Amino acid sequence: MGVNFMKNIRSELYKIFSLPLFLRGVAIVIGISVFFTFQNIQVINAIANGHTEILILEDTTSQLTGFQTVRDAILSSPYQSSILFFPILFALILSTEYKFGQESLTKLLTPKWQTVLTGQICSGIIVSSTLTVVLSLINSGMLYAMLDETLQNYLNIGLILEVTLRIIIFSITLTLLSMFLVQITRKPIPSVIIIVSILVITLSGILRVVSPTLENLFPLTGAKSFAFGRVENNNPSELYGLLLLLSQASIVTIMMYIKAWYKNKKEKKHE
């Protein structure tokens, strides 16, 4: 069983890596991430050299310590990419399972739906985690090469690993959510529309006006302190953010298994 399980994961990973859409998507995400990093470094270096008159800064930005500034620099680019582009990329990739009839072939090769779904979930987690690590390495390398010397002392492997781990937890949660939406809609466009709508509603601050409690149930706002490693503006605690991400990842995973079980049961009745 263990051999078949690993074989299924390798098969799912091969399907993802062999898609031209995946390769193009990764290239675009890396390019955007590099651009974000370059822009962030320019701003940080300007602040470090006292050239803040040419920058439009939030009050909190100018009050950050050197450590917090470097920590945010390590976080910013990979975090932005993981929350903005990973869910959309995975929605487009995973929907090909239904778009080109791959689902029927998968059932013939692997009759057990549990094995198929577990392989898909594990491969999604592996790919999202790997991409996050790659983006973090590129970002950290650029920071090491281009960041102002007065701030480079704060840049260390321990901090990079800690921040990267937090981003990985974020990216896994959003990837699982994307997988669940694709499983429901079975089409790329509706899934992407839902994902973009969630991002817009969350990042726009509308929920803060409607209901702060509801706002804190969304990962991008409720787990903001966990991502940034500090509590600001009455945001929930880091522990709350971590538990929110883990609970949502668990709930979405359970719902995927329930959905797959119900579908399998329904199909057997019609056989």
Protein backbone atom coordinates (compact mmCIF):
# COMPACT_ATOMS: atom_id res chain seq x y z
CA MET A 1 0.00 0.00 0.00
CA GLY A 2 2.86 2.36 0.86
CA VAL A 3 4.50 1.68 -2.51
CA ASN A 4 1.25 2.41 -4.38
CA PHE A 5 0.74 5.56 -2.35
CA MET A 6 4.18 6.94 -3.21
CA LYS A 7 3.70 5.88 -6.84
CA ASN A 8 0.45 7.84 -6.94
CA ILE A 9 2.12 10.95 -5.51
CA ARG A 10 4.90 10.71 -8.10
CA SER A 11 2.27 10.32 -10.80
CA GLU A 12 0.41 13.43 -9.64
CA LEU A 13 3.65 15.40 -9.44
CA TYR A 14 4.58 14.30 -12.95
CA LYS A 15 1.20 15.46 -14.25
CA ILE A 16 1.70 18.89 -12.69
CA PHE A 17 5.32 19.34 -13.77
CA SER A 18 4.61 18.19 -17.33
CA LEU A 19 1.97 20.86 -17.92
CA PRO A 20 3.21 23.82 -20.02
CA LEU A 21 0.75 25.94 -18.02
CA PHE A 22 2.62 25.09 -14.82
CA LEU A 23 6.02 25.98 -16.27
CA ARG A 24 4.76 29.26 -17.70
CA GLY A 25 2.94 30.07 -14.47
CA VAL A 26 6.01 29.41 -12.33
CA ALA A 27 8.16 31.56 -14.63
CA ILE A 28 5.67 34.43 -14.35
CA VAL A 29 5.41 34.12 -10.56
CA ILE A 30 9.21 34.08 -10.18
CA GLY A 31 9.52 37.12 -12.47
CA ILE A 32 6.90 39.07 -10.50
CA SER A 33 8.50 38.01 -7.21
CA VAL A 34 11.92 39.26 -8.37
CA PHE A 35 10.32 42.57 -9.36
CA PHE A 36 8.63 42.88 -5.95
CA THR A 37 11.92 42.12 -4.19
CA PHE A 38 13.82 44.70 -6.24
CA GLN A 39 11.21 47.36 -5.48
CA ASN A 40 11.22 46.51 -1.76
CA ILE A 41 15.01 46.72 -1.59
CA GLN A 42 14.97 50.15 -3.24
CA VAL A 43 12.49 51.44 -0.67
CA ILE A 44 14.32 49.89 2.29
CA ASN A 45 17.70 51.24 1.20
CA ALA A 46 16.19 54.70 0.73
CA ILE A 47 14.81 54.58 4.28
CA ALA A 48 18.13 53.32 5.66
CA ASN A 49 19.95 56.24 4.01
CA GLY A 50 17.43 58.79 5.22
CA HIS A 51 15.93 59.56 1.81
CA THR A 52 12.35 59.26 2.97
CA GLU A 53 11.19 62.51 1.41
CA ILE A 54 10.74 60.82 -1.98
CA LEU A 55 8.70 57.97 -0.55
CA ILE A 56 5.06 57.73 0.43
CA LEU A 57 5.19 55.80 3.67
CA GLU A 58 2.62 54.54 6.11
CA ASP A 59 3.14 55.68 9.69
CA THR A 60 4.00 52.16 10.80
CA THR A 61 6.56 51.71 8.02
CA SER A 62 8.73 54.59 9.13
CA GLN A 63 8.60 53.42 12.77
CA LEU A 64 9.92 49.91 12.19
CA THR A 65 13.16 48.82 13.82
CA GLY A 66 16.02 47.51 11.70
CA PHE A 67 15.15 43.93 12.64
CA GLN A 68 11.48 44.40 11.75
CA THR A 69 12.41 46.04 8.45
CA VAL A 70 14.62 43.11 7.44
CA ARG A 71 12.03 40.59 8.64
CA ASP A 72 9.36 42.26 6.53
CA ALA A 73 11.75 42.27 3.56
CA ILE A 74 12.27 38.50 3.90
CA LEU A 75 8.51 38.03 4.14
CA SER A 76 7.12 40.47 1.61
CA SER A 77 7.89 39.12 -1.85
CA PRO A 78 7.33 35.35 -1.23
CA TYR A 79 4.26 36.17 0.88
CA GLN A 80 2.76 38.41 -1.79
CA SER A 81 3.32 35.77 -4.43
CA SER A 82 1.90 32.93 -2.33
CA ILE A 83 -1.34 34.71 -1.43
CA LEU A 84 -1.94 36.43 -4.77
CA PHE A 85 -0.75 33.99 -7.42
CA PHE A 86 -0.44 30.47 -5.95
CA PRO A 87 -4.20 29.91 -5.49
CA ILE A 88 -4.94 31.15 -9.01
CA LEU A 89 -2.12 29.09 -10.55
CA PHE A 90 -3.23 25.93 -8.76
CA ALA A 91 -6.87 26.48 -9.72
CA LEU A 92 -5.86 26.65 -13.38
CA ILE A 93 -3.58 23.61 -13.11
CA LEU A 94 -5.92 21.36 -11.12
CA SER A 95 -8.89 22.12 -13.35
CA THR A 96 -7.11 20.41 -16.25
CA GLU A 97 -7.96 17.13 -14.47
CA TYR A 98 -11.59 17.70 -15.47
CA LYS A 99 -11.11 19.78 -18.61
CA PHE A 100 -9.26 17.18 -20.67
CA GLY A 101 -10.91 14.04 -19.32
CA GLN A 102 -7.91 13.12 -17.19
CA GLU A 103 -10.24 12.21 -14.31
CA SER A 104 -11.63 9.13 -16.14
CA LEU A 105 -8.12 7.90 -16.98
CA THR A 106 -7.03 8.41 -13.38
CA LYS A 107 -9.95 6.28 -12.16
CA LEU A 108 -8.96 3.46 -14.50
CA LEU A 109 -5.36 3.52 -13.33
CA THR A 110 -6.21 4.01 -9.63
CA PRO A 111 -9.71 2.76 -8.75
CA LYS A 112 -9.55 3.79 -5.07
CA TRP A 113 -10.72 7.40 -4.75
CA GLN A 114 -8.99 7.75 -1.37
CA THR A 115 -5.60 7.02 -2.92
CA VAL A 116 -6.21 9.45 -5.78
CA LEU A 117 -7.37 12.31 -3.55
CA THR A 118 -4.58 11.79 -1.01
CA GLY A 119 -2.04 11.82 -3.83
CA GLN A 120 -3.50 15.04 -5.21
CA ILE A 121 -3.47 16.72 -1.79
CA CYS A 122 0.08 15.60 -1.00
CA SER A 123 1.37 16.67 -4.42
CA GLY A 124 -0.30 20.07 -4.01
CA ILE A 125 1.35 20.52 -0.62
CA ILE A 126 4.74 19.46 -1.99
CA VAL A 127 4.57 21.79 -5.00
CA SER A 128 3.34 24.82 -3.05
CA SER A 129 5.96 24.29 -0.33
CA THR A 130 8.74 23.84 -2.90
CA LEU A 131 7.75 26.96 -4.81
CA THR A 132 7.65 28.94 -1.57
CA VAL A 133 11.17 27.78 -0.67
CA VAL A 134 12.43 28.69 -4.17
CA LEU A 135 10.91 32.18 -3.96
CA SER A 136 12.30 32.63 -0.46
CA LEU A 137 15.81 31.62 -1.59
CA ILE A 138 15.70 34.04 -4.53
CA ASN A 139 14.38 36.81 -2.31
CA SER A 140 16.97 36.18 0.42
CA GLY A 141 19.79 36.02 -2.15
CA MET A 142 18.79 39.39 -3.57
CA LEU A 143 18.56 40.87 -0.07
CA TYR A 144 22.02 39.57 0.79
CA ALA A 145 23.48 41.05 -2.39
CA MET A 146 21.65 44.37 -2.53
CA LEU A 147 20.47 45.32 0.96
CA ASP A 148 22.11 48.25 2.74
CA GLU A 149 25.11 47.17 4.83
CA THR A 150 23.63 48.62 8.01
CA LEU A 151 20.73 46.17 7.75
CA GLN A 152 22.57 43.06 6.57
CA ASN A 153 23.57 42.18 10.13
CA TYR A 154 19.93 41.33 10.84
CA LEU A 155 19.81 38.92 7.90
CA ASN A 156 20.50 35.39 9.15
CA ILE A 157 19.57 31.81 8.28
CA GLY A 158 17.46 31.30 11.41
CA LEU A 159 15.23 34.27 10.60
CA ILE A 160 14.93 33.25 6.94
CA LEU A 161 13.90 29.70 7.90
CA GLU A 162 11.35 30.94 10.44
CA VAL A 163 9.70 33.38 8.03
CA THR A 164 9.75 30.83 5.19
CA LEU A 165 8.02 28.24 7.40
CA ARG A 166 5.25 30.72 8.16
CA ILE A 167 4.77 31.45 4.47
CA ILE A 168 4.67 27.72 3.72
CA ILE A 169 1.80 27.26 6.18
CA PHE A 170 -0.02 30.12 4.45
CA SER A 171 0.60 28.74 0.95
CA ILE A 172 -0.50 25.22 1.91
CA THR A 173 -3.77 26.52 3.39
CA LEU A 174 -4.55 28.60 0.30
CA THR A 175 -3.56 25.75 -2.03
CA LEU A 176 -5.95 23.38 -0.25
CA LEU A 177 -8.70 25.99 -0.50
CA SER A 178 -8.01 26.32 -4.21
CA MET A 179 -8.17 22.53 -4.63
CA PHE A 180 -11.51 22.40 -2.84
CA LEU A 181 -13.00 25.12 -5.04
CA VAL A 182 -11.84 23.30 -8.18
CA GLN A 183 -13.31 20.07 -6.84
CA ILE A 184 -16.68 21.82 -6.48
CA THR A 185 -16.77 23.88 -9.67
CA ARG A 186 -14.71 21.49 -11.86
CA LYS A 187 -13.88 24.52 -14.04
CA PRO A 188 -11.01 27.04 -13.93
CA ILE A 189 -12.86 30.32 -14.49
CA PRO A 190 -15.46 30.00 -11.67
CA SER A 191 -12.71 28.88 -9.27
CA VAL A 192 -10.47 31.81 -10.20
CA ILE A 193 -13.40 34.26 -9.90
CA ILE A 194 -14.18 32.99 -6.39
CA ILE A 195 -10.51 33.15 -5.36
CA VAL A 196 -10.05 36.68 -6.73
CA SER A 197 -13.31 37.79 -5.07
CA ILE A 198 -12.12 36.49 -1.71
CA LEU A 199 -8.77 38.30 -2.14
CA VAL A 200 -10.44 41.57 -3.14
CA ILE A 201 -13.01 41.48 -0.33
CA THR A 202 -10.35 40.60 2.24
CA LEU A 203 -7.66 43.06 1.16
CA SER A 204 -10.08 45.96 0.52
CA GLY A 205 -11.00 46.28 4.20
CA ILE A 206 -14.74 46.05 3.53
CA LEU A 207 -15.16 43.31 6.12
CA ARG A 208 -13.56 45.52 8.78
CA VAL A 209 -16.48 47.91 8.41
CA VAL A 210 -19.13 45.21 8.18
CA SER A 211 -17.89 42.89 10.92
CA PRO A 212 -14.38 42.74 12.44
CA THR A 213 -15.21 39.29 13.81
CA LEU A 214 -16.03 38.00 10.33
CA GLU A 215 -12.89 39.65 8.95
CA ASN A 216 -10.73 37.75 11.43
CA LEU A 217 -12.06 34.44 10.11
CA PHE A 218 -10.34 35.02 6.77
CA PRO A 219 -6.70 33.83 6.63
CA LEU A 220 -5.20 37.00 5.10
CA THR A 221 -6.55 39.20 7.90
CA GLY A 222 -7.01 36.82 10.82
CA ALA A 223 -3.50 35.38 10.41
CA LYS A 224 -1.76 38.65 9.54
CA SER A 225 0.03 38.82 12.91
CA PHE A 226 1.27 35.25 12.43
CA ALA A 227 2.72 36.16 9.04
CA PHE A 228 4.43 39.36 10.20
CA GLY A 229 5.54 38.01 13.57
CA ARG A 230 4.01 40.85 15.58
CA VAL A 231 0.60 42.21 16.59
CA GLU A 232 -0.44 45.61 15.23
CA ASN A 233 -3.66 47.64 15.05
CA ASN A 234 -5.68 45.34 17.32
CA ASN A 235 -5.14 42.34 15.04
CA PRO A 236 -5.55 38.84 16.54
CA SER A 237 -2.52 37.20 18.14
CA GLU A 238 0.09 35.13 16.32
CA LEU A 239 -1.22 31.97 18.01
CA TYR A 240 -4.74 32.75 16.81
CA GLY A 241 -3.43 33.16 13.26
CA LEU A 242 -1.55 29.85 13.37
CA LEU A 243 -4.56 27.97 14.75
CA LEU A 244 -6.82 29.66 12.18
CA LEU A 245 -4.62 28.50 9.28
CA LEU A 246 -4.23 24.96 10.63
CA SER A 247 -7.95 24.61 11.38
CA GLN A 248 -8.98 25.93 7.97
CA ALA A 249 -6.52 23.64 6.21
CA SER A 250 -7.90 20.69 8.19
CA ILE A 251 -11.55 21.61 7.59
CA VAL A 252 -11.03 22.09 3.84
CA THR A 253 -9.19 18.75 3.62
CA ILE A 254 -11.99 16.94 5.48
CA MET A 255 -14.57 18.56 3.21
CA MET A 256 -12.65 17.35 0.14
CA TYR A 257 -12.75 13.78 1.44
CA ILE A 258 -16.47 14.05 2.22
CA LYS A 259 -17.15 15.46 -1.24
CA ALA A 260 -15.14 12.68 -2.91
CA TRP A 261 -16.81 10.00 -0.76
CA TYR A 262 -20.29 11.29 -1.58
CA LYS A 263 -19.48 11.45 -5.29
CA ASN A 264 -18.10 7.90 -5.27
CA LYS A 265 -21.17 6.62 -3.43
CA LYS A 266 -23.46 8.36 -5.91
CA GLU A 267 -21.62 6.91 -8.90
CA LYS A 268 -21.85 3.36 -7.50
CA LYS A 269 -25.62 3.67 -7.23
CA HIS A 270 -25.86 4.40 -10.95
CA GLU A 271 -23.64 1.50 -12.00
